[in-house]
Amino acid sequence: MSKRAFITGITGQDGSYLAELLLAKGYEVHGLIRRASTFNTARIDHLYVDPHDPSARLFLHYGDLSDGARLVTLLAEIHPDEVYNLAAQSHVRVSFDEPEHTADTTGVGTIRLLEAVRLSGIKTRFYQASSSEMFGSTPPPQHEDTPFSPRSPYGAAKVYGYWITRNYREAHGMFAVNGILFNHESPRRGETFVTRKITRAVASIKAGDQQHLYLGNLDAVRDWGYAAEYVEGMWRMLQADQPDDYVLATGSGYTVRDFLQIAFQHAGLDWQQHVRFDDRYLRPSEVDALLGDPAKAREKLNWKATIQTPELARLMVDADIAALECAGGNWTDTVHLHSWEA
């Protein structure tokens, strides 16, 4: 029998890459999606097979991390070997505008899912998507033993999710792990996150559809890796003999300004001619530098990021240029209306 996995947040960047990985490994994959009046499955449409087809191994279920009873029912029905909790309100800047919603989904949603695992009585392995934003103002480099000092409602909610996952591991003997992932990006990244906001703007500017890109703090340092590689690390955490917590990162730091320069230069553009500052995109409390130390994951999981930030920026620019050309060069430009995440 093939293994069975349950993924919350399956329609997001990480969820789509993880579903891809698990299907390639022969898993039967079940995903949690929220009911909406419009389709929101674009990132996984290429994986979907009609469930009436005997070869189908991807199944989607309506539900939400705010509904604990539904989670218990689903887990008891699906009986997964592995549970990956990737769902969250994950935009840091937005978390300042919607702190209660962020706390409910990103923080309390974690304990609802853990409690659903416990109440359903299933024996499964649990992955919690923790975040480098938990470190906040703690000086880099940051590793598994670095103290947390979150600087946003999102970071604080993730700290709660981290500690409640450890509590269920220690109190209930659950195989539960925290993956503390530093920033990981891809062409599937949401358009309001700073890396995708930049690469999408590069494509539009090169095509002559846009002149300016508005950003906030260009001095923030981040450790940017490739999301498709990081989901392999998630999977490896649940294959270990014992549950533990791991940092996934490249170990290299770049500023937003660095990312801008690399992305624009790759398209033959000068970023300084097009980028404008807008203080609306500053966070009420900034995180100056996040730089991960992935030594433990390298030693115990044999996991290492191979794509560094410059290569990542270039592949994202290429993907957005190709996407714009495929769309006939007329996608609606909304990047200047949104806050950014770094």
Protein backbone atom coordinates (compact mmCIF):
# COMPACT_ATOMS: atom_id res chain seq x y z
CA MET A 1 0.00 0.00 0.00
CA SER A 2 1.24 3.48 -0.83
CA LYS A 3 1.64 6.04 1.91
CA ARG A 4 -1.10 8.59 2.40
CA ALA A 5 -0.48 12.29 3.16
CA PHE A 6 -2.79 15.11 4.22
CA ILE A 7 -1.74 18.67 3.35
CA THR A 8 -3.31 21.89 4.60
CA GLY A 9 -2.45 24.86 2.40
CA ILE A 10 -2.12 22.57 -0.61
CA THR A 11 -3.08 25.35 -3.05
CA GLY A 12 -0.22 27.58 -1.89
CA GLN A 13 3.34 27.73 -3.19
CA ASP A 14 4.74 25.14 -0.76
CA GLY A 15 1.65 22.95 -0.85
CA SER A 16 1.78 22.62 -4.62
CA TYR A 17 5.47 21.68 -4.67
CA LEU A 18 4.98 19.25 -1.78
CA ALA A 19 2.02 17.58 -3.49
CA GLU A 20 4.14 17.24 -6.63
CA LEU A 21 6.99 15.67 -4.66
CA LEU A 22 4.79 13.21 -2.76
CA LEU A 23 2.91 12.11 -5.87
CA ALA A 24 6.26 11.46 -7.56
CA LYS A 25 7.18 9.29 -4.57
CA GLY A 26 4.04 7.22 -4.99
CA TYR A 27 1.93 8.76 -2.22
CA GLU A 28 -1.82 9.18 -2.21
CA VAL A 29 -2.26 12.87 -1.45
CA HIS A 30 -5.24 14.55 0.23
CA GLY A 31 -5.47 18.33 0.40
CA LEU A 32 -7.58 20.74 2.43
CA ILE A 33 -9.09 23.63 0.47
CA ARG A 34 -11.43 26.42 1.51
CA ARG A 35 -14.79 26.71 -0.20
CA ALA A 36 -14.91 29.77 -2.46
CA SER A 37 -17.15 31.05 -5.24
CA THR A 38 -14.18 31.07 -7.60
CA PHE A 39 -11.56 28.41 -8.33
CA ASN A 40 -8.36 28.83 -6.32
CA THR A 41 -6.47 25.71 -7.34
CA ALA A 42 -4.30 27.09 -10.16
CA ARG A 43 -1.02 25.91 -8.63
CA ILE A 44 -2.16 22.27 -8.50
CA ASP A 45 -4.41 22.03 -11.56
CA HIS A 46 -1.64 20.26 -13.47
CA LEU A 47 -1.64 17.51 -10.82
CA TYR A 48 -5.36 16.91 -10.71
CA VAL A 49 -6.96 13.76 -12.12
CA ASP A 50 -10.72 13.18 -12.05
CA PRO A 51 -11.37 11.16 -8.86
CA HIS A 52 -13.51 8.76 -10.93
CA ASP A 53 -10.34 7.73 -12.74
CA PRO A 54 -8.81 4.63 -11.06
CA SER A 55 -5.35 6.20 -11.43
CA ALA A 56 -6.27 9.28 -9.37
CA ARG A 57 -4.03 9.83 -6.34
CA LEU A 58 -4.81 13.47 -5.51
CA PHE A 59 -8.03 14.21 -3.63
CA LEU A 60 -9.27 17.58 -2.37
CA HIS A 61 -11.54 18.13 0.62
CA TYR A 62 -13.38 21.27 1.71
CA GLY A 63 -12.50 22.47 5.17
CA ASP A 64 -10.74 25.15 7.16
CA LEU A 65 -8.34 25.42 10.11
CA SER A 66 -11.05 27.37 11.92
CA ASP A 67 -13.30 24.29 12.02
CA GLY A 68 -11.90 21.76 14.47
CA ALA A 69 -14.80 19.31 14.18
CA ARG A 70 -14.36 19.08 10.41
CA LEU A 71 -10.64 18.39 10.87
CA VAL A 72 -11.35 15.49 13.25
CA THR A 73 -13.85 13.98 10.79
CA LEU A 74 -11.48 14.31 7.83
CA LEU A 75 -8.48 12.81 9.59
CA ALA A 76 -10.51 9.87 10.89
CA GLU A 77 -11.80 9.29 7.35
CA ILE A 78 -8.51 9.71 5.47
CA HIS A 79 -6.25 8.13 8.09
CA PRO A 80 -3.05 9.69 6.72
CA ASP A 81 0.46 8.43 7.46
CA GLU A 82 1.75 12.01 7.34
CA VAL A 83 0.13 15.39 8.04
CA TYR A 84 1.70 18.60 6.74
CA ASN A 85 0.31 21.83 8.20
CA LEU A 86 1.22 24.52 5.65
CA ALA A 87 -1.96 26.62 5.87
CA ALA A 88 -1.68 30.11 7.38
CA GLN A 89 -2.25 33.80 6.85
CA SER A 90 1.38 34.08 5.84
CA HIS A 91 1.86 37.68 4.72
CA VAL A 92 3.81 39.52 7.40
CA ARG A 93 2.73 43.06 6.48
CA VAL A 94 -0.93 42.01 6.26
CA SER A 95 -0.69 40.47 9.74
CA PHE A 96 -0.41 43.99 11.18
CA ASP A 97 -3.73 44.87 9.54
CA GLU A 98 -5.43 41.57 10.45
CA PRO A 99 -3.78 40.44 13.70
CA GLU A 100 -6.77 38.56 15.08
CA HIS A 101 -7.36 36.62 11.87
CA THR A 102 -3.64 35.85 11.68
CA ALA A 103 -3.60 34.57 15.27
CA ASP A 104 -6.66 32.41 14.65
CA THR A 105 -5.44 30.73 11.46
CA THR A 106 -1.67 30.74 11.88
CA GLY A 107 -1.56 30.14 15.63
CA VAL A 108 -4.77 28.59 16.97
CA GLY A 109 -5.30 26.71 13.70
CA THR A 110 -2.21 24.68 14.55
CA ILE A 111 -3.60 23.43 17.85
CA ARG A 112 -6.93 22.63 16.19
CA LEU A 113 -5.12 20.36 13.75
CA LEU A 114 -2.93 18.79 16.45
CA GLU A 115 -5.98 18.18 18.61
CA ALA A 116 -7.79 16.68 15.63
CA VAL A 117 -4.91 14.23 15.23
CA ARG A 118 -5.14 13.33 18.92
CA LEU A 119 -8.95 13.02 19.05
CA SER A 120 -9.21 11.02 15.84
CA GLY A 121 -6.90 8.42 17.36
CA ILE A 122 -4.81 8.04 14.21
CA LYS A 123 -1.10 7.23 14.32
CA THR A 124 0.54 9.74 12.04
CA ARG A 125 3.58 11.96 11.68
CA PHE A 126 2.96 15.71 11.88
CA TYR A 127 4.88 18.55 10.20
CA GLN A 128 4.41 22.13 11.35
CA ALA A 129 5.49 24.92 9.00
CA SER A 130 7.39 27.23 11.33
CA SER A 131 9.07 30.40 10.11
CA SER A 132 12.27 32.40 10.36
CA GLU A 133 10.04 35.36 11.28
CA MET A 134 9.92 33.85 14.78
CA PHE A 135 13.52 35.04 15.28
CA GLY A 136 12.57 38.65 14.52
CA SER A 137 15.08 41.00 16.11
CA THR A 138 17.48 38.27 17.31
CA PRO A 139 20.85 38.88 15.59
CA PRO A 140 21.89 36.44 12.82
CA PRO A 141 22.91 33.80 12.08
CA GLN A 142 19.88 31.99 13.52
CA HIS A 143 19.70 28.26 14.23
CA GLU A 144 17.49 25.80 16.14
CA ASP A 145 18.64 27.05 19.55
CA THR A 146 18.44 30.78 18.78
CA PRO A 147 15.93 32.60 21.05
CA PHE A 148 12.74 33.84 19.41
CA SER A 149 11.93 37.55 19.33
CA PRO A 150 9.06 38.03 16.83
CA ARG A 151 8.36 41.48 15.43
CA SER A 152 4.92 40.93 13.88
CA PRO A 153 1.58 39.28 14.67
CA TYR A 154 2.52 36.66 12.09
CA GLY A 155 5.83 35.91 13.80
CA ALA A 156 4.14 35.75 17.21
CA ALA A 157 1.46 33.37 15.89
CA LYS A 158 4.15 31.13 14.42
CA VAL A 159 5.94 31.05 17.79
CA TYR A 160 2.72 29.75 19.36
CA GLY A 161 2.42 27.12 16.64
CA TYR A 162 6.03 26.08 17.22
CA TRP A 163 5.69 25.64 20.97
CA ILE A 164 2.31 23.90 20.87
CA THR A 165 3.76 21.42 18.35
CA ARG A 166 6.62 20.70 20.73
CA ASN A 167 4.14 20.40 23.59
CA TYR A 168 2.10 17.75 21.77
CA ARG A 169 5.31 15.90 20.96
CA GLU A 170 6.38 15.88 24.60
CA ALA A 171 2.99 15.56 26.32
CA HIS A 172 1.28 13.09 23.99
CA GLY A 173 4.21 11.25 22.44
CA MET A 174 3.28 12.48 19.00
CA PHE A 175 5.78 12.34 16.14
CA ALA A 176 5.59 16.09 15.55
CA VAL A 177 8.32 18.27 14.04
CA ASN A 178 8.87 21.95 13.32
CA GLY A 179 10.46 22.97 10.04
CA ILE A 180 11.87 26.46 10.61
CA LEU A 181 12.10 27.58 7.01
CA PHE A 182 13.82 30.77 6.00
CA ASN A 183 12.44 32.67 3.03
CA HIS A 184 11.85 30.36 0.09
CA GLU A 185 10.56 31.62 -3.22
CA SER A 186 9.66 30.45 -6.71
CA PRO A 187 7.65 31.44 -9.79
CA ARG A 188 4.61 30.19 -7.83
CA ARG A 189 5.12 32.76 -5.06
CA GLY A 190 2.17 35.07 -4.45
CA GLU A 191 2.38 38.33 -6.37
CA THR A 192 2.33 40.54 -3.24
CA PHE A 193 5.50 39.01 -1.75
CA VAL A 194 8.56 41.12 -2.42
CA THR A 195 10.55 38.69 -4.61
CA ARG A 196 7.65 37.94 -6.93
CA LYS A 197 6.55 41.55 -6.87
CA ILE A 198 10.01 42.47 -8.15
CA THR A 199 10.32 39.78 -10.84
CA ARG A 200 6.80 40.39 -12.10
CA ALA A 201 7.54 44.11 -12.36
CA VAL A 202 10.76 43.37 -14.25
CA ALA A 203 8.75 41.45 -16.84
CA SER A 204 6.20 44.24 -17.16
CA ILE A 205 8.81 46.98 -17.41
CA LYS A 206 10.79 45.08 -20.02
CA ALA A 207 7.60 44.64 -22.04
CA GLY A 208 6.83 48.36 -21.78
CA ASP A 209 3.64 47.83 -19.78
CA GLN A 210 4.89 49.45 -16.57
CA GLN A 211 7.34 52.18 -15.65
CA HIS A 212 7.73 52.12 -11.87
CA LEU A 213 7.83 49.67 -8.97
CA TYR A 214 7.03 50.93 -5.46
CA LEU A 215 8.76 49.32 -2.48
CA GLY A 216 9.55 50.02 1.16
CA ASN A 217 12.70 48.99 3.04
CA LEU A 218 15.45 48.00 0.62
CA ASP A 219 18.02 47.31 3.35
CA ALA A 220 16.30 44.27 4.90
CA VAL A 221 18.54 41.19 4.69
CA ARG A 222 16.98 37.84 3.91
CA ASP A 223 18.10 34.28 3.26
CA TRP A 224 16.22 33.40 0.06
CA GLY A 225 16.11 29.82 -1.25
CA TYR A 226 14.12 27.86 -3.82
CA ALA A 227 10.82 26.51 -2.51
CA ALA A 228 10.91 23.37 -4.67
CA GLU A 229 14.04 22.26 -2.79
CA TYR A 230 12.67 23.08 0.65
CA VAL A 231 9.70 20.72 0.42
CA GLU A 232 12.18 17.85 0.11
CA GLY A 233 13.52 18.93 3.50
CA MET A 234 10.00 18.88 4.95
CA TRP A 235 9.53 15.31 3.75
CA ARG A 236 12.89 14.21 5.12
CA MET A 237 11.99 15.50 8.59
CA LEU A 238 9.07 13.05 8.72
CA GLN A 239 11.24 10.13 7.56
CA ALA A 240 13.71 10.52 10.45
CA ASP A 241 13.88 7.92 13.24
CA GLN A 242 13.02 10.50 15.91
CA PRO A 243 11.01 13.74 15.76
CA ASP A 244 13.06 16.94 15.98
CA ASP A 245 13.09 20.56 14.79
CA TYR A 246 15.20 21.81 11.89
CA VAL A 247 16.22 25.05 10.20
CA LEU A 248 16.15 25.02 6.40
CA ALA A 249 18.10 27.86 4.78
CA THR A 250 20.81 28.60 2.23
CA GLY A 251 23.15 30.16 4.79
CA SER A 252 23.63 33.28 2.61
CA GLY A 253 22.07 36.70 3.09
CA TYR A 254 21.11 39.34 0.51
CA THR A 255 19.34 42.67 0.83
CA VAL A 256 16.19 43.57 -1.05
CA ARG A 257 18.40 45.99 -2.97
CA ASP A 258 20.66 43.08 -3.98
CA PHE A 259 17.68 41.09 -5.23
CA LEU A 260 16.48 44.12 -7.21
CA GLN A 261 19.85 44.60 -8.85
CA ILE A 262 20.18 40.93 -9.82
CA ALA A 263 16.64 40.71 -11.18
CA PHE A 264 16.70 43.94 -13.20
CA GLN A 265 20.22 43.34 -14.51
CA HIS A 266 19.22 39.90 -15.76
CA ALA A 267 16.62 41.59 -17.97
CA GLY A 268 19.06 44.27 -19.12
CA LEU A 269 17.45 47.00 -16.99
CA ASP A 270 18.71 49.52 -14.44
CA TRP A 271 16.59 49.17 -11.30
CA GLN A 272 17.38 52.69 -10.09
CA GLN A 273 15.51 54.15 -13.07
CA HIS A 274 12.31 52.33 -12.14
CA VAL A 275 12.11 51.70 -8.37
CA ARG A 276 10.43 54.26 -6.14
CA PHE A 277 10.16 54.39 -2.34
CA ASP A 278 6.74 54.37 -0.66
CA ASP A 279 6.57 54.43 3.14
CA ARG A 280 3.17 52.70 3.04
CA TYR A 281 5.10 49.49 2.49
CA LEU A 282 7.16 49.78 5.67
CA ARG A 283 6.23 47.50 8.56
CA PRO A 284 5.35 49.10 11.91
CA SER A 285 8.27 47.10 13.34
CA GLU A 286 10.96 45.90 10.95
CA VAL A 287 13.04 42.74 10.96
CA ASP A 288 16.49 43.83 9.86
CA ALA A 289 18.26 40.56 9.12
CA LEU A 290 17.31 36.88 8.85
CA LEU A 291 20.14 34.49 7.99
CA GLY A 292 19.81 30.79 8.69
CA ASP A 293 22.35 28.20 9.82
CA PRO A 294 21.24 24.90 8.21
CA ALA A 295 24.09 22.78 9.63
CA LYS A 296 21.78 20.46 11.58
CA ALA A 297 19.63 19.66 8.54
CA ARG A 298 22.75 19.04 6.48
CA GLU A 299 24.19 16.69 9.10
CA LYS A 300 21.08 14.77 10.16
CA LEU A 301 18.84 14.93 7.08
CA ASN A 302 21.51 15.15 4.38
CA TRP A 303 19.62 18.18 3.06
CA LYS A 304 21.32 21.17 1.47
CA ALA A 305 20.04 24.06 -0.63
CA THR A 306 21.71 24.04 -4.04
CA ILE A 307 20.10 27.14 -5.57
CA GLN A 308 21.32 30.41 -4.09
CA THR A 309 19.58 33.80 -4.28
CA PRO A 310 21.16 35.10 -7.52
CA GLU A 311 20.15 31.99 -9.48
CA LEU A 312 16.71 32.08 -7.86
CA ALA A 313 16.15 35.70 -8.90
CA ARG A 314 17.14 34.93 -12.48
CA LEU A 315 14.89 31.87 -12.81
CA MET A 316 11.95 33.83 -11.39
CA VAL A 317 12.53 36.68 -13.85
CA ASP A 318 12.69 34.22 -16.75
CA ALA A 319 9.46 32.56 -15.60
CA ASP A 320 7.59 35.89 -15.31
CA ILE A 321 8.82 37.09 -18.70
CA ALA A 322 7.63 33.81 -20.23
CA ALA A 323 4.29 34.03 -18.39
CA LEU A 324 3.69 37.57 -19.65
CA GLU A 325 4.51 36.56 -23.21
CA CYS A 326 2.13 33.60 -22.89
CA ALA A 327 -0.59 35.97 -21.66
CA GLY A 328 -0.17 38.09 -24.75
CA GLY A 329 1.67 40.85 -22.93
CA ASN A 330 -1.41 42.32 -21.31
CA TRP A 331 -1.74 41.04 -17.76
CA THR A 332 -3.26 43.55 -15.35
CA ASP A 333 -0.51 45.24 -13.36
CA THR A 334 -1.45 45.57 -9.70
CA VAL A 335 1.92 45.15 -8.01
CA HIS A 336 2.18 48.79 -6.96
CA LEU A 337 -1.05 48.53 -4.93
CA HIS A 338 0.16 45.91 -2.47
CA SER A 339 2.30 45.67 0.65
CA TRP A 340 5.40 43.53 0.45
CA GLU A 341 6.86 40.71 2.45
CA ALA A 342 10.60 40.21 3.00
